[in-house]
Protein backbone atom coordinates (compact mmCIF):
# COMPACT_ATOMS: atom_id res chain seq x y z
CA MET A 1 -61.05 42.19 -51.41
CA ARG A 2 -64.58 42.72 -52.84
CA TYR A 3 -64.50 41.84 -56.63
CA ALA A 4 -66.96 42.96 -59.16
CA PHE A 5 -67.22 41.53 -62.75
CA VAL A 6 -68.32 43.54 -65.67
CA GLY A 7 -68.80 41.39 -68.88
CA LEU A 8 -70.02 37.80 -68.19
CA GLY A 9 -69.08 35.97 -71.40
CA HIS A 10 -67.00 32.75 -71.38
CA ARG A 11 -63.78 34.64 -70.55
CA ALA A 12 -65.04 35.53 -67.11
CA GLN A 13 -65.27 31.93 -66.02
CA MET A 14 -61.43 31.56 -65.37
CA TYR A 15 -61.58 34.33 -62.69
CA VAL A 16 -64.84 33.37 -61.16
CA ASP A 17 -63.61 29.79 -60.66
CA ALA A 18 -60.46 30.98 -59.25
CA LEU A 19 -62.28 33.00 -56.59
CA LEU A 20 -64.55 30.14 -55.94
CA GLY A 21 -61.66 27.64 -55.61
CA GLU A 22 -57.94 27.92 -54.96
CA TRP A 23 -58.05 31.72 -54.44
CA ARG A 24 -61.16 31.89 -52.41
CA ASP A 25 -59.09 33.42 -49.57
CA ALA A 26 -58.31 36.38 -51.80
CA GLY A 27 -61.66 37.85 -51.84
CA THR A 28 -65.40 37.55 -52.53
CA ILE A 29 -67.61 38.21 -55.54
CA VAL A 30 -69.97 40.98 -54.68
CA ALA A 31 -71.49 42.16 -58.02
CA LEU A 32 -72.08 41.22 -61.63
CA CYS A 33 -72.62 43.70 -64.47
CA ASP A 34 -73.62 42.77 -68.07
CA PRO A 35 -76.32 43.82 -70.56
CA ASN A 36 -77.62 40.23 -70.61
CA ARG A 37 -79.58 38.90 -67.55
CA THR A 38 -79.35 35.27 -68.55
CA ARG A 39 -75.60 35.30 -68.73
CA MET A 40 -75.38 36.89 -65.23
CA ALA A 41 -77.81 34.25 -64.03
CA TYR A 42 -75.55 31.49 -65.24
CA TYR A 43 -72.62 32.97 -63.19
CA ALA A 44 -74.73 33.65 -60.06
CA GLU A 45 -75.78 30.02 -60.17
CA ARG A 46 -72.20 28.90 -60.55
CA ILE A 47 -71.17 31.20 -57.58
CA GLY A 48 -73.85 29.46 -55.47
CA HIS A 49 -75.36 32.35 -53.69
CA GLU A 50 -77.18 35.50 -54.43
CA VAL A 51 -74.98 38.18 -56.13
CA PRO A 52 -76.30 41.63 -57.04
CA CYS A 53 -76.66 41.99 -60.76
CA PHE A 54 -76.54 45.27 -62.65
CA ALA A 55 -77.08 46.55 -66.13
CA PRO A 56 -74.19 48.71 -67.74
CA GLU A 57 -75.89 51.89 -67.05
CA GLU A 58 -75.94 50.94 -63.30
CA PHE A 59 -72.06 50.56 -63.14
CA GLY A 60 -71.85 53.37 -60.65
CA LYS A 61 -73.66 51.14 -58.20
CA VAL A 62 -71.27 48.26 -58.98
CA LEU A 63 -68.33 50.57 -57.94
CA GLU A 64 -69.93 51.39 -54.67
CA LEU A 65 -69.91 47.66 -53.74
CA ALA A 66 -66.40 46.79 -54.97
CA ASP A 67 -62.67 47.12 -54.07
CA ALA A 68 -61.62 45.89 -57.51
CA VAL A 69 -63.32 45.37 -60.98
CA ILE A 70 -62.55 42.48 -63.27
CA VAL A 71 -63.31 43.66 -66.85
CA THR A 72 -64.01 40.95 -69.45
CA THR A 73 -66.43 42.86 -71.70
CA VAL A 74 -66.28 43.13 -75.57
CA ASP A 75 -62.84 44.77 -76.22
CA ALA A 76 -64.22 48.08 -77.46
CA ALA A 77 -66.05 48.60 -74.11
CA HIS A 78 -62.90 48.06 -72.00
CA ALA A 79 -61.71 51.84 -71.88
CA ARG A 80 -65.21 52.91 -70.47
CA TYR A 81 -65.23 50.62 -67.69
CA VAL A 82 -61.37 50.64 -66.95
CA CYS A 83 -61.56 54.47 -66.73
CA ALA A 84 -64.64 54.69 -64.65
CA ALA A 85 -63.26 52.21 -62.13
CA LEU A 86 -59.96 53.97 -61.89
CA ASP A 87 -61.56 57.37 -61.47
CA ALA A 88 -63.45 55.77 -58.47
CA GLY A 89 -60.16 54.79 -57.05
CA ARG A 90 -60.72 51.03 -57.63
CA ASP A 91 -58.18 48.33 -58.69
CA VAL A 92 -58.77 46.99 -62.13
CA ILE A 93 -57.91 43.57 -63.70
CA VAL A 94 -58.56 43.74 -67.42
CA GLU A 95 -58.36 41.04 -70.03
CA LYS A 96 -56.24 41.69 -73.02
CA PRO A 97 -56.42 43.77 -75.14
CA LEU A 98 -56.44 46.63 -72.80
CA THR A 99 -58.54 48.58 -75.39
CA THR A 100 -58.80 48.66 -79.22
CA ASP A 101 -57.36 52.08 -80.38
CA ALA A 102 -55.26 55.00 -79.72
CA ASP A 103 -58.04 57.10 -78.14
CA GLY A 104 -58.91 54.27 -75.66
CA CYS A 105 -55.19 54.16 -74.79
CA ALA A 106 -54.90 57.82 -74.22
CA ALA A 107 -58.07 57.81 -71.95
CA ILE A 108 -56.89 54.79 -69.87
CA ALA A 109 -53.27 56.32 -69.55
CA ALA A 110 -54.75 59.49 -68.15
CA ALA A 111 -57.10 57.78 -65.88
CA ALA A 112 -54.25 55.49 -64.51
CA GLU A 113 -52.02 58.51 -63.90
CA ARG A 114 -54.75 60.36 -61.75
CA SER A 115 -56.01 57.25 -59.90
CA SER A 116 -55.02 55.71 -56.63
CA GLY A 117 -56.09 52.29 -58.08
CA LYS A 118 -53.81 49.80 -59.69
CA LEU A 119 -54.37 48.34 -63.21
CA ILE A 120 -53.23 44.84 -64.22
CA VAL A 121 -53.54 43.61 -67.80
CA THR A 122 -53.73 39.81 -67.77
CA PHE A 123 -51.20 38.63 -70.30
CA ASN A 124 -51.21 34.97 -69.64
CA TYR A 125 -48.71 34.07 -72.22
CA ARG A 126 -45.95 35.67 -70.20
CA TYR A 127 -46.43 33.04 -67.54
CA SER A 128 -46.26 29.98 -69.88
CA PRO A 129 -43.00 28.19 -68.83
CA ARG A 130 -41.64 28.08 -72.48
CA ASN A 131 -41.99 31.87 -72.88
CA SER A 132 -40.61 32.48 -69.44
CA ALA A 133 -37.60 30.41 -70.44
CA VAL A 134 -37.10 32.64 -73.47
CA ARG A 135 -37.10 35.69 -71.38
CA ARG A 136 -34.74 34.27 -68.77
CA LEU A 137 -32.22 33.28 -71.56
CA LEU A 138 -32.40 36.67 -73.29
CA MET A 139 -31.90 38.54 -69.92
CA GLU A 140 -28.76 36.32 -69.29
CA GLY A 141 -27.32 37.44 -72.55
CA ALA A 142 -27.38 33.77 -74.02
CA ILE A 143 -27.17 35.14 -77.68
CA GLY A 144 -25.69 38.52 -76.90
CA GLU A 145 -27.52 41.57 -78.19
CA VAL A 146 -30.73 40.65 -80.04
CA THR A 147 -30.75 42.13 -83.61
CA SER A 148 -33.80 40.57 -85.21
CA VAL A 149 -36.90 38.36 -84.37
CA HIS A 150 -38.90 36.32 -86.67
CA PHE A 151 -42.26 35.35 -85.31
CA GLU A 152 -44.88 33.21 -86.94
CA TRP A 153 -48.26 32.35 -85.34
CA THR A 154 -50.73 30.07 -87.10
CA LEU A 155 -54.41 29.76 -85.91
CA ASP A 156 -56.02 26.64 -87.17
CA THR A 157 -59.54 26.17 -88.71
CA ILE A 158 -60.88 25.45 -85.11
CA HIS A 159 -59.51 28.30 -83.18
CA GLY A 160 -59.01 30.76 -86.17
CA ALA A 161 -62.49 30.11 -87.59
CA ASP A 162 -64.05 30.94 -84.32
CA TYR A 163 -63.15 34.55 -84.44
CA PHE A 164 -65.15 34.79 -87.54
CA ARG A 165 -68.33 33.42 -85.91
CA ARG A 166 -68.54 35.83 -83.03
CA TRP A 167 -68.28 39.61 -82.17
CA HIS A 168 -64.69 39.69 -82.96
CA ARG A 169 -65.41 39.45 -86.82
CA ASP A 170 -66.38 43.29 -86.38
CA ARG A 171 -63.45 45.44 -86.34
CA ALA A 172 -65.22 48.14 -84.43
CA SER A 173 -65.68 45.72 -81.62
CA SER A 174 -62.30 43.89 -81.51
CA GLY A 175 -59.84 46.03 -83.31
CA GLY A 176 -59.34 43.00 -85.59
CA LEU A 177 -56.87 40.09 -84.82
CA LEU A 178 -53.96 42.36 -84.90
CA VAL A 179 -55.30 43.98 -81.77
CA HIS A 180 -57.40 41.27 -80.21
CA LYS A 181 -55.11 38.39 -80.84
CA SER A 182 -51.76 39.78 -81.63
CA THR A 183 -51.70 42.06 -78.61
CA HIS A 184 -50.46 38.73 -76.77
CA HIS A 185 -47.62 38.33 -79.27
CA PHE A 186 -46.55 41.94 -79.47
CA ASP A 187 -46.57 42.11 -75.62
CA LEU A 188 -44.39 38.98 -75.51
CA VAL A 189 -41.80 40.62 -77.80
CA ASN A 190 -41.70 43.96 -75.97
CA TRP A 191 -41.28 41.79 -72.79
CA TRP A 192 -38.80 39.48 -74.21
CA LEU A 193 -36.64 42.26 -75.61
CA GLY A 194 -37.11 44.72 -72.86
CA SER A 195 -37.79 47.29 -75.39
CA ALA A 196 -40.57 49.33 -77.02
CA PRO A 197 -41.81 49.52 -80.65
CA GLU A 198 -41.14 52.75 -82.44
CA LEU A 199 -41.91 51.98 -86.17
CA VAL A 200 -44.68 49.73 -87.59
CA PHE A 201 -45.40 48.63 -91.22
CA ALA A 202 -48.10 46.13 -92.32
CA GLN A 203 -49.91 44.30 -95.02
CA THR A 204 -53.10 42.49 -94.37
CA GLY A 205 -56.07 40.99 -96.04
CA LEU A 206 -59.19 38.90 -95.74
CA ARG A 207 -58.40 35.92 -98.07
CA PHE A 208 -60.11 32.77 -96.66
CA TYR A 209 -63.18 33.72 -94.68
CA GLY A 210 -66.07 35.76 -95.68
CA ALA A 211 -68.85 35.69 -98.30
CA GLN A 212 -66.72 37.01 -101.16
CA ASN A 213 -64.01 34.43 -100.71
CA ALA A 214 -66.66 31.63 -100.33
CA ARG A 215 -68.11 32.62 -103.79
CA LYS A 216 -64.70 32.66 -105.26
CA ARG A 217 -64.17 29.07 -104.25
CA GLY A 218 -67.59 28.05 -105.37
CA LEU A 219 -68.83 27.02 -101.87
CA GLY A 220 -72.48 27.84 -102.78
CA GLU A 221 -75.26 28.94 -100.48
CA ARG A 222 -74.29 29.04 -96.83
CA PRO A 223 -76.48 29.03 -93.64
CA ALA A 224 -76.46 32.39 -91.76
CA ARG A 225 -75.74 30.48 -88.52
CA GLY A 226 -75.10 26.95 -87.10
CA GLN A 227 -78.39 26.26 -85.30
CA GLY A 228 -80.86 24.60 -87.59
CA ALA A 229 -78.36 24.46 -90.60
CA PRO A 230 -78.63 21.43 -92.87
CA GLY A 231 -75.00 20.85 -92.59
CA LEU A 232 -75.06 20.79 -88.83
CA GLY A 233 -72.88 17.71 -87.72
CA THR A 234 -71.08 17.35 -91.03
CA ASP A 235 -69.76 20.68 -91.97
CA PRO A 236 -66.46 21.29 -90.09
CA PHE A 237 -67.05 25.15 -90.23
CA ILE A 238 -70.63 24.98 -88.74
CA LEU A 239 -70.48 25.05 -84.85
CA ASP A 240 -73.02 23.26 -82.89
CA ILE A 241 -73.38 25.54 -79.99
CA SER A 242 -75.97 23.40 -78.31
CA ALA A 243 -73.23 20.54 -77.94
CA ASP A 244 -71.46 22.49 -75.23
CA GLN A 245 -73.55 23.15 -72.16
CA ARG A 246 -71.55 26.23 -71.15
CA LEU A 247 -71.67 27.85 -74.68
CA LYS A 248 -75.46 26.95 -74.70
CA ARG A 249 -76.33 28.49 -71.35
CA LEU A 250 -74.13 31.60 -71.98
CA TYR A 251 -75.17 32.36 -75.67
CA LEU A 252 -77.97 30.24 -77.13
CA ASP A 253 -80.19 30.52 -74.18
CA ALA A 254 -79.48 34.30 -73.96
CA GLU A 255 -80.16 35.27 -77.48
CA HIS A 256 -83.68 36.44 -76.71
CA GLU A 257 -82.39 39.24 -74.75
CA ASP A 258 -79.77 40.92 -76.96
CA GLY A 259 -79.88 39.20 -80.28
CA TYR A 260 -76.19 38.08 -80.13
CA ILE A 261 -75.56 35.14 -82.39
CA ARG A 262 -72.43 33.14 -81.25
CA ASP A 263 -72.53 30.69 -84.16
CA GLN A 264 -72.52 32.90 -87.23
CA ASP A 265 -71.29 31.45 -90.55
CA VAL A 266 -67.58 32.13 -91.05
CA PHE A 267 -68.31 32.48 -94.77
CA GLY A 268 -71.04 35.04 -94.29
CA GLU A 269 -71.57 38.74 -95.03
CA GLY A 270 -70.46 41.59 -92.47
CA ILE A 271 -66.91 40.44 -91.71
CA THR A 272 -64.61 43.33 -91.36
CA ILE A 273 -61.48 41.90 -90.09
CA ASP A 274 -58.58 40.23 -91.70
CA ASP A 275 -57.33 36.57 -91.58
CA ASN A 276 -53.70 37.09 -93.07
CA MET A 277 -51.39 39.67 -91.56
CA SER A 278 -47.79 40.50 -92.02
CA VAL A 279 -46.13 43.08 -89.79
CA LEU A 280 -42.64 44.67 -89.60
CA VAL A 281 -41.68 46.40 -86.42
CA ARG A 282 -38.56 48.31 -85.44
CA TYR A 283 -37.78 48.63 -81.62
CA ALA A 284 -36.03 51.26 -79.73
CA ASN A 285 -33.08 48.92 -79.24
CA ARG A 286 -32.83 48.77 -82.94
CA ALA A 287 -33.90 45.23 -83.17
CA VAL A 288 -36.41 44.43 -86.01
CA MET A 289 -39.16 41.93 -86.00
CA THR A 290 -40.95 40.20 -89.03
CA TYR A 291 -44.26 38.93 -87.85
CA SER A 292 -47.04 36.84 -89.45
CA LEU A 293 -50.47 35.75 -88.30
CA HIS A 294 -52.86 33.72 -90.36
CA ALA A 295 -56.13 32.20 -89.23
CA HIS A 296 -56.97 29.24 -91.42
CA ALA A 297 -53.96 26.89 -90.92
CA PRO A 298 -54.13 22.99 -90.77
CA TRP A 299 -52.27 23.15 -87.55
CA GLU A 300 -52.02 25.51 -84.50
CA GLY A 301 -48.83 26.84 -82.86
CA TYR A 302 -46.00 29.14 -83.31
CA ARG A 303 -42.40 29.61 -84.17
CA VAL A 304 -40.16 32.47 -82.87
CA ALA A 305 -36.46 32.81 -83.67
CA PHE A 306 -33.98 35.55 -82.17
CA ASN A 307 -30.84 36.31 -83.93
CA GLY A 308 -28.13 37.85 -81.72
CA THR A 309 -24.64 38.88 -81.90
CA GLU A 310 -23.51 35.72 -80.13
CA GLY A 311 -26.03 33.11 -81.54
CA ARG A 312 -29.71 32.21 -82.26
CA LEU A 313 -32.51 31.16 -79.95
CA GLU A 314 -35.39 29.18 -81.42
CA LEU A 315 -38.78 28.26 -79.81
CA ASP A 316 -41.02 25.89 -81.87
CA VAL A 317 -44.54 25.13 -80.42
CA VAL A 318 -47.18 22.88 -81.76
CA GLU A 319 -50.26 23.27 -79.93
CA ARG A 320 -52.48 21.20 -82.13
CA GLU A 321 -50.87 19.07 -84.87
CA TRP A 322 -54.07 18.78 -87.03
CA THR A 323 -57.57 19.79 -86.93
CA PRO A 324 -60.28 16.97 -86.60
CA PRO A 325 -63.16 17.70 -88.88
CA HIS A 326 -65.72 17.04 -86.25
CA ALA A 327 -64.17 19.70 -83.89
CA ALA A 328 -66.97 22.15 -84.45
CA VAL A 329 -69.49 19.59 -83.48
CA ASP A 330 -67.82 17.94 -80.53
CA PRO A 331 -66.24 20.66 -78.27
CA SER A 332 -63.98 18.11 -76.59
CA ALA A 333 -62.09 17.62 -79.89
CA ALA A 334 -61.08 21.36 -79.91
CA ALA A 335 -59.13 21.00 -76.83
CA LYS A 336 -55.46 21.95 -77.20
CA GLU A 337 -54.13 21.02 -73.73
CA HIS A 338 -52.29 17.69 -74.19
CA ALA A 339 -53.57 17.43 -77.75
CA THR A 340 -52.12 14.58 -79.78
CA GLY A 341 -48.96 15.68 -81.50
CA SER A 342 -48.45 18.72 -79.33
CA SER A 343 -44.86 19.65 -78.77
CA GLU A 344 -42.49 22.35 -77.64
CA ARG A 345 -38.78 22.72 -78.20
CA LEU A 346 -36.36 25.41 -77.21
CA LEU A 347 -33.04 25.38 -79.03
CA LEU A 348 -30.00 27.57 -78.18
CA ARG A 349 -27.44 27.88 -81.03
CA ARG A 350 -24.32 29.66 -79.96
CA HIS A 351 -21.76 30.52 -82.42
CA TRP A 352 -19.21 27.75 -83.13
CA SER A 353 -21.02 25.46 -80.63
CA PRO A 354 -23.40 22.46 -81.30
CA PRO A 355 -27.14 23.27 -80.62
CA GLU A 356 -28.22 22.88 -77.12
CA GLU A 357 -31.76 21.92 -76.39
CA VAL A 358 -33.03 23.84 -73.35
CA PRO A 359 -35.46 21.90 -70.97
CA ILE A 360 -38.81 23.53 -70.20
CA GLU A 361 -40.37 23.00 -66.87
CA THR A 362 -44.16 22.69 -67.10
CA GLY A 363 -46.89 22.58 -64.34
CA ALA A 364 -50.62 21.66 -64.20
CA GLY A 365 -53.37 23.56 -65.79
CA GLY A 366 -53.64 25.72 -68.88
CA HIS A 367 -50.61 26.95 -70.80
CA GLY A 368 -48.32 24.50 -69.08
CA GLY A 369 -49.10 25.86 -65.68
CA GLY A 370 -48.94 29.61 -66.83
CA ASP A 371 -52.70 30.33 -66.04
CA ARG A 372 -52.24 29.33 -62.43
CA LEU A 373 -49.07 31.53 -61.99
CA LEU A 374 -50.99 34.32 -63.60
CA LEU A 375 -53.99 34.02 -61.20
CA ASN A 376 -51.58 33.81 -58.24
CA ASP A 377 -50.07 37.07 -59.44
CA VAL A 378 -53.50 38.66 -59.88
CA PHE A 379 -55.03 37.65 -56.57
CA ARG A 380 -51.96 37.40 -54.27
CA GLY A 381 -49.37 39.71 -55.73
CA PRO A 382 -46.23 39.03 -57.81
CA GLY A 383 -43.74 38.84 -54.99
CA ASP A 384 -40.10 38.94 -56.03
CA ASP A 385 -40.37 38.05 -59.70
CA PRO A 386 -37.00 38.51 -61.47
CA LEU A 387 -38.98 38.03 -64.82
CA ALA A 388 -41.33 40.96 -64.05
CA ARG A 389 -44.23 39.13 -65.51
CA GLN A 390 -47.14 41.22 -64.14
CA ALA A 391 -48.18 43.76 -66.69
CA GLY A 392 -49.31 47.26 -66.15
CA TYR A 393 -51.21 49.80 -68.22
CA ARG A 394 -48.12 51.00 -70.20
CA ASP A 395 -47.49 47.36 -71.22
CA GLY A 396 -51.02 47.00 -72.42
CA ILE A 397 -50.83 50.38 -74.30
CA ARG A 398 -47.56 49.31 -76.08
CA SER A 399 -49.05 46.10 -77.32
CA VAL A 400 -52.29 47.61 -78.38
CA LEU A 401 -50.76 50.48 -80.15
CA THR A 402 -48.47 48.00 -82.22
CA GLY A 403 -51.64 46.37 -83.49
CA HIS A 404 -53.47 49.60 -83.92
CA ALA A 405 -50.48 51.01 -85.88
CA ALA A 406 -50.38 47.91 -87.93
CA ASN A 407 -53.92 48.41 -88.83
CA VAL A 408 -53.36 52.06 -89.78
CA SER A 409 -50.30 51.17 -91.89
CA ALA A 410 -52.32 48.30 -93.75
CA ARG A 411 -55.14 50.93 -94.64
CA THR A 412 -52.83 53.78 -95.72
CA GLY A 413 -49.85 51.88 -97.07
CA ALA A 414 -47.39 53.97 -94.96
CA PRO A 415 -45.32 53.08 -92.01
CA VAL A 416 -46.54 54.42 -88.49
CA LEU A 417 -44.27 55.89 -85.93
CA LEU A 418 -44.73 55.47 -82.13
CA ALA A 419 -43.42 57.86 -79.55
CA ASP A 420 -42.97 58.09 -75.80
CA ASP A 421 -41.56 54.57 -75.25
CA GLY A 422 -44.14 53.01 -77.62
CA THR A 423 -47.17 54.49 -75.77
CA ARG A 424 -48.32 57.29 -78.24
CA VAL A 425 -48.84 57.31 -81.95
CA ARG A 426 -46.66 60.06 -83.33
């Protein structure tokens, strides 16, 4: 296979490195496309040989060279490239979220239906062993019919804050965290339950980040960005982008081309997304989920509980037990893999039986070995997977529309109905 990349930010690296390493027999990288030449030069250097580089308006030339396109652009641009690639009959691998709104979903659905190309949405959380274990237990009927789900996700002041420094802070670019981040979580629930969302109600707010909240708490004057800021090295919310060579090469050294600032102040003006979100979702199988996401917690992880007709299943995950104050300065302090205090526990509580802790088998690499399983699916095919972890465009649409509907509900104060198996706003 001949692979082209469109969007050469940090997220592209996992796929580039895969094709240069363990999956090099799956294909070759034949083209790069990005509005920023400096970022493309970084990846061309990493690839180790000359690769044709194209501006976005030259995407047609990219398609002439490739059999498949890997889309890792800003979220709002996904639909443009996905549809163009599908219409050219190319396979598409797209980072979550599939797109950011209902119009993008409709355009991609139409393109996918008329195309000979295949579309894969890379939901790596499906492949995490703990999440796969939940799917297996629910499929086996371990707690009978699921009646309700409680799902709480906390982003700490390392990970959560970072969304408010970069382009994700702009709702028009990312759809907000209910699309960009929660699409992972909504997809997990759709997949775990084997069902689709049909009603969404939400309440949201920007309560911690942003200039108005900073003034309320008396934080005083703030620097517009990290580089050159007087608090650099001491303020835990100020990112030292020059301390990480990859971030420096991809963003700091590339600013002169497009003006994109990767280390904006999280308490600055211009933030249009929320940091506290509560969502109620009803599914086609009559299960109901209560979901919360907040982005300024002192720890990172998630808790999900399933209530069923024959018991309850609980998954507790601590990805980072606490947030070191120097993490924004020292990138190594922000790593979650094998962080001190990290833990995971899956507990099965059947009616009239003592609780049973279910062992979780993990592997090497990110997300307990899940990233490796995902990449194997992407580049070599899923094979006979009883858990059906590979996600297609309809899975991507369901997850995006849950977040989109939540955004609409929060804005209007009314519930939003979904139709056609969760793939269309009614």
